[in-house]
Amino acid sequence: MTDTRDTAQRTVPRVGTTASRSRLVTRRDITLFTEISGDRNPLHYDEERAAATRFGGIVVQGGVTTALLNAVVAEDLPGPGSVFLQLDLGFKAPVRPGDVITGTVEVTSAREDKPITALDVRVTRDDGVVAVEGKAVCYTEPL
C-alpha cells in the first residue's frame, strides 16, 4: 500500500479568503451540550436566576456558540481533515436561544511547507453584535 499523504497535491489557502456558516440556536442545543459536558450552570436553565444577572436572561454555553467555528473549519476553510492546533477566543456578548449566529473564519497566513493555516475567527449574532472573536491555528490532514 502506498502512502499518498506525502505526494497528494494540496491547495494552500489564500490569505484573505473567508468562509461562514449560520444556524439558529435553540434550548435543545443547551440540553444536548449539557449531556455532553455536564455543564448545568443556572445561567443556562434557571430563567429567574439568569434574569437577575448582568446577562439579563438565559444564555447558551460558550461551547455551543463556538461549535459553529468547528463546522466552518472542518467543512469549509481550510476544510475536511482540519483540526484546531490552537484556539484563542474572547467572549464579548451572550448568545441566547432564538439567536441566529454566524461563524466566520478568515485566513491570515498559510504555510507552504506544511498544511498549517492561521485564521481570524468570530461568531456574530443576527443583530450584528460580535459574540466571540479570536485567532486559531489549524492543521489539515490530507484525506
Protein backbone atom coordinates (compact mmCIF):
# COMPACT_ATOMS: atom_id res chain seq x y z
CA MET A 1 0.00 0.00 0.00
CA THR A 2 1.34 3.41 -0.94
CA ASP A 3 1.09 6.33 1.49
CA THR A 4 -0.30 9.17 -0.63
CA ARG A 5 -0.15 11.78 2.13
CA ASP A 6 3.31 12.95 1.06
CA THR A 7 2.53 13.04 -2.64
CA ALA A 8 -1.02 14.37 -2.59
CA GLN A 9 -1.43 17.80 -4.09
CA ARG A 10 -2.82 20.23 -1.59
CA THR A 11 -4.27 23.64 -2.12
CA VAL A 12 -2.74 26.26 0.15
CA PRO A 13 -5.50 28.63 1.34
CA ARG A 14 -5.01 32.22 0.20
CA VAL A 15 -4.64 35.00 2.75
CA GLY A 16 -7.90 36.96 2.95
CA THR A 17 -10.11 34.01 1.99
CA THR A 18 -13.21 33.74 4.21
CA ALA A 19 -15.93 31.21 4.93
CA SER A 20 -19.08 31.41 7.06
CA ARG A 21 -21.93 29.28 8.34
CA SER A 22 -25.08 30.31 10.19
CA ARG A 23 -27.52 28.50 12.44
CA LEU A 24 -30.42 29.11 14.80
CA VAL A 25 -29.54 28.43 18.45
CA THR A 26 -32.26 26.65 20.45
CA ARG A 27 -32.89 25.47 24.01
CA ARG A 28 -32.35 21.95 22.70
CA ASP A 29 -28.73 22.95 21.97
CA ILE A 30 -28.34 23.79 25.68
CA THR A 31 -29.75 20.40 26.65
CA LEU A 32 -27.58 18.48 24.20
CA PHE A 33 -24.43 20.33 25.27
CA THR A 34 -25.27 19.61 28.91
CA GLU A 35 -25.48 15.90 28.08
CA ILE A 36 -22.01 16.05 26.52
CA SER A 37 -20.30 18.36 29.03
CA GLY A 38 -22.22 18.09 32.30
CA ASP A 39 -22.47 21.93 32.40
CA ARG A 40 -25.64 22.60 34.41
CA ASN A 41 -24.91 26.23 35.24
CA PRO A 42 -28.15 28.01 36.28
CA LEU A 43 -27.36 30.72 33.71
CA HIS A 44 -28.35 28.18 31.07
CA TYR A 45 -31.53 26.85 32.74
CA ASP A 46 -32.97 29.00 35.52
CA GLU A 47 -34.92 31.91 33.99
CA GLU A 48 -35.36 33.77 37.28
CA ARG A 49 -31.76 33.48 38.45
CA ALA A 50 -30.38 34.25 34.98
CA ALA A 51 -32.65 37.33 34.69
CA ALA A 52 -31.16 38.73 37.91
CA THR A 53 -27.61 38.63 36.48
CA ARG A 54 -25.77 41.11 34.27
CA PHE A 55 -26.78 38.86 31.34
CA GLY A 56 -30.47 39.60 31.93
CA GLY A 57 -31.64 36.12 30.96
CA ILE A 58 -30.76 32.63 29.80
CA VAL A 59 -27.51 32.32 27.82
CA VAL A 60 -26.23 29.31 25.90
CA GLN A 61 -22.94 27.67 26.85
CA GLY A 62 -19.87 29.08 25.15
CA GLY A 63 -19.21 25.63 23.68
CA VAL A 64 -22.49 25.80 21.81
CA THR A 65 -21.59 29.20 20.39
CA THR A 66 -18.07 28.25 19.33
CA ALA A 67 -19.05 24.84 17.93
CA LEU A 68 -20.09 26.66 14.76
CA LEU A 69 -16.42 27.55 14.21
CA ASN A 70 -15.57 23.83 14.30
CA ALA A 71 -18.05 23.26 11.49
CA VAL A 72 -16.68 26.09 9.34
CA VAL A 73 -13.09 24.89 9.77
CA ALA A 74 -13.87 21.19 9.20
CA GLU A 75 -16.31 21.63 6.34
CA ASP A 76 -15.32 24.82 4.51
CA LEU A 77 -11.99 26.51 5.30
CA PRO A 78 -9.42 25.03 5.45
CA GLY A 79 -11.85 22.10 5.00
CA PRO A 80 -12.11 18.34 5.54
CA GLY A 81 -9.26 16.87 7.57
CA SER A 82 -8.75 20.13 9.51
CA VAL A 83 -8.39 20.25 13.28
CA PHE A 84 -7.56 23.08 15.66
CA LEU A 85 -3.98 23.19 16.93
CA GLN A 86 -4.56 26.40 18.85
CA LEU A 87 -7.58 28.49 19.68
CA ASP A 88 -7.58 31.85 21.49
CA LEU A 89 -11.08 33.24 21.97
CA GLY A 90 -12.62 36.25 23.66
CA PHE A 91 -16.29 36.04 24.65
CA LYS A 92 -17.72 39.51 24.02
CA ALA A 93 -21.50 39.14 24.31
CA PRO A 94 -24.03 36.47 25.29
CA VAL A 95 -25.90 34.26 22.84
CA ARG A 96 -29.47 33.28 23.72
CA PRO A 97 -31.88 30.67 22.48
CA GLY A 98 -33.57 32.13 19.40
CA ASP A 99 -30.46 33.95 18.16
CA VAL A 100 -29.17 33.16 14.69
CA ILE A 101 -25.38 33.10 14.87
CA THR A 102 -22.84 33.21 12.06
CA GLY A 103 -19.35 31.77 12.44
CA THR A 104 -16.76 33.32 10.14
CA VAL A 105 -13.12 32.45 9.57
CA GLU A 106 -10.56 34.42 7.57
CA VAL A 107 -7.15 33.13 6.53
CA THR A 108 -4.36 35.32 7.92
CA SER A 109 -1.46 33.06 6.91
CA ALA A 110 -0.87 29.64 5.39
CA ARG A 111 2.38 27.72 5.36
CA GLU A 112 3.67 26.42 2.05
CA ASP A 113 5.79 23.67 3.66
CA LYS A 114 3.12 22.21 5.99
CA PRO A 115 -0.69 22.11 5.97
CA ILE A 116 -0.96 24.72 8.72
CA THR A 117 -3.29 27.70 8.42
CA ALA A 118 -3.77 30.69 10.76
CA LEU A 119 -7.22 32.24 10.98
CA ASP A 120 -9.09 35.15 12.48
CA VAL A 121 -12.37 33.74 13.82
CA ARG A 122 -15.60 35.29 15.05
CA VAL A 123 -19.19 34.47 15.85
CA THR A 124 -21.74 37.21 15.24
CA ARG A 125 -25.36 37.34 16.38
CA ASP A 126 -28.11 38.22 13.91
CA ASP A 127 -28.34 41.71 15.45
CA GLY A 128 -24.76 42.36 14.30
CA VAL A 129 -23.16 42.05 17.74
CA VAL A 130 -19.90 40.09 17.84
CA ALA A 131 -20.33 37.39 20.49
CA VAL A 132 -16.92 35.72 20.15
CA GLU A 133 -13.72 36.67 18.37
CA GLY A 134 -10.19 35.44 18.32
CA LYS A 135 -7.48 33.57 16.48
CA ALA A 136 -6.96 29.94 15.51
CA VAL A 137 -4.29 27.75 14.02
CA CYS A 138 -5.37 24.64 12.10
CA TYR A 139 -3.65 21.57 10.76
CA THR A 140 -5.22 19.88 7.75
CA GLU A 141 -4.61 16.13 7.44
CA PRO A 142 -4.62 15.12 3.79
CA LEU A 143 -7.56 12.77 3.34
